[in-house]
Protein backbone atom coordinates (compact mmCIF):
# COMPACT_ATOMS: atom_id res chain seq x y z
CA MET A 1 -96.48 -65.01 -33.11
CA LYS A 2 -95.64 -62.58 -35.65
CA ASN A 3 -92.81 -61.65 -37.10
CA VAL A 4 -91.87 -58.87 -39.21
CA PHE A 5 -91.16 -59.40 -42.39
CA TYR A 6 -90.35 -57.01 -45.32
CA ILE A 7 -91.52 -57.65 -49.39
CA GLN A 8 -89.02 -55.54 -52.00
CA ALA A 9 -89.01 -54.20 -55.04
CA ILE A 10 -85.44 -54.29 -56.30
CA ARG A 11 -83.15 -53.37 -59.29
CA LEU A 12 -80.41 -55.52 -58.93
CA SER A 13 -77.67 -52.31 -59.22
CA GLY A 14 -76.86 -51.30 -55.87
CA PRO A 15 -78.98 -53.63 -54.92
CA ILE A 16 -81.44 -50.70 -55.01
CA VAL A 17 -84.97 -50.41 -52.71
CA VAL A 18 -87.89 -48.71 -54.61
CA GLU A 19 -91.00 -49.98 -52.87
CA TRP A 20 -90.97 -52.26 -49.84
CA VAL A 21 -94.09 -53.14 -47.23
CA LYS A 22 -93.98 -55.30 -43.96
CA VAL A 23 -95.55 -57.42 -43.42
CA LEU A 24 -96.32 -59.33 -40.71
CA SER A 25 -96.74 -63.74 -40.61
CA GLU A 26 -96.36 -66.29 -38.38
CA GLU A 27 -93.52 -68.46 -40.99
CA VAL A 28 -91.98 -67.09 -44.41
CA GLY A 29 -93.71 -68.64 -46.78
CA PRO A 30 -96.60 -67.41 -47.24
CA VAL A 31 -94.63 -64.28 -47.51
CA LYS A 32 -92.47 -66.42 -50.13
CA ARG A 33 -95.50 -67.84 -51.66
CA GLN A 34 -96.99 -63.66 -52.17
CA ALA A 35 -93.94 -62.21 -53.39
CA ARG A 36 -93.51 -65.35 -56.30
CA VAL A 37 -97.38 -63.65 -57.10
CA LEU A 38 -95.96 -60.42 -57.91
CA ALA A 39 -93.29 -61.22 -59.38
CA ASN A 40 -95.05 -63.24 -61.67
CA THR A 41 -98.04 -60.62 -62.59
CA ALA A 42 -95.91 -58.20 -63.29
CA THR A 43 -96.99 -56.67 -66.47
CA ASP A 44 -99.37 -54.15 -65.45
CA PRO A 45 -100.31 -52.04 -68.00
CA SER A 46 -101.08 -49.32 -65.51
CA TRP A 47 -96.82 -49.99 -63.63
CA THR A 48 -95.12 -46.66 -64.79
CA TRP A 49 -91.33 -45.95 -62.82
CA PRO A 50 -89.78 -46.75 -60.75
CA ILE A 51 -88.68 -50.24 -62.51
CA ALA A 52 -87.64 -53.17 -60.23
CA GLN A 53 -86.03 -56.56 -61.58
CA ALA A 54 -86.71 -58.92 -58.91
CA VAL A 55 -88.61 -59.04 -55.91
CA ARG A 56 -86.55 -60.02 -52.65
CA VAL A 57 -88.40 -61.15 -48.86
CA MET A 58 -86.14 -59.58 -46.20
CA ASP A 59 -86.62 -61.19 -42.50
CA GLN A 60 -87.14 -58.60 -39.43
CA TYR A 61 -82.67 -58.92 -38.73
CA GLY A 62 -82.49 -57.55 -41.87
CA ALA A 63 -81.44 -61.19 -43.15
CA GLU A 64 -82.92 -61.94 -46.95
CA ARG A 65 -84.73 -64.86 -47.28
CA PHE A 66 -86.22 -64.86 -51.03
CA ARG A 67 -85.21 -63.34 -53.93
CA CYS A 68 -86.99 -64.01 -57.68
CA TRP A 69 -86.59 -62.35 -61.05
CA CYS A 70 -89.62 -59.89 -62.55
CA ARG A 71 -90.69 -61.83 -65.09
CA VAL A 72 -90.66 -58.55 -67.08
CA PRO A 73 -88.95 -55.14 -65.22
CA LEU A 74 -91.68 -54.60 -61.82
CA ARG A 75 -92.70 -50.80 -62.37
CA GLY A 76 -95.43 -48.33 -60.99
CA HIS A 77 -96.36 -47.49 -57.37
CA ASN A 78 -99.36 -49.74 -56.95
CA PHE A 79 -97.08 -52.14 -55.02
CA ARG A 80 -98.74 -52.61 -51.82
CA GLN A 81 -102.28 -52.99 -53.27
CA LEU A 82 -100.98 -55.69 -55.12
CA ILE A 83 -99.80 -57.07 -51.36
CA SER A 84 -102.70 -55.63 -49.66
CA ASP A 85 -104.45 -58.55 -50.79
CA SER A 86 -102.48 -61.23 -49.58
CA ASP A 87 -104.19 -63.54 -46.41
CA PHE A 88 -101.27 -62.02 -44.47
CA GLN A 89 -101.53 -58.61 -42.99
CA ALA A 90 -99.37 -55.99 -45.02
CA GLU A 91 -98.76 -52.62 -43.68
CA ALA A 92 -98.03 -49.63 -45.87
CA ALA A 93 -94.23 -48.57 -46.03
């Protein structure tokens, strides 16, 4: 059975969610891997705004399941595009 997870790009002040995507996956492992990839590749120069310092995974009940820091501040509106290239189903927020 597929579970609902939310991958969120966040600012640490608050935290404030600046971008997010809803993901359907049978387990949290692939979702965590995708969040790590996003955080590690957050150097794309085409990203301009908004800025985020971390990426986290929330489950359907609102519990944080995973958090990782971006190598550099994550910027831009291509967040959903990066997530949708993964091997599990993603729905735009």
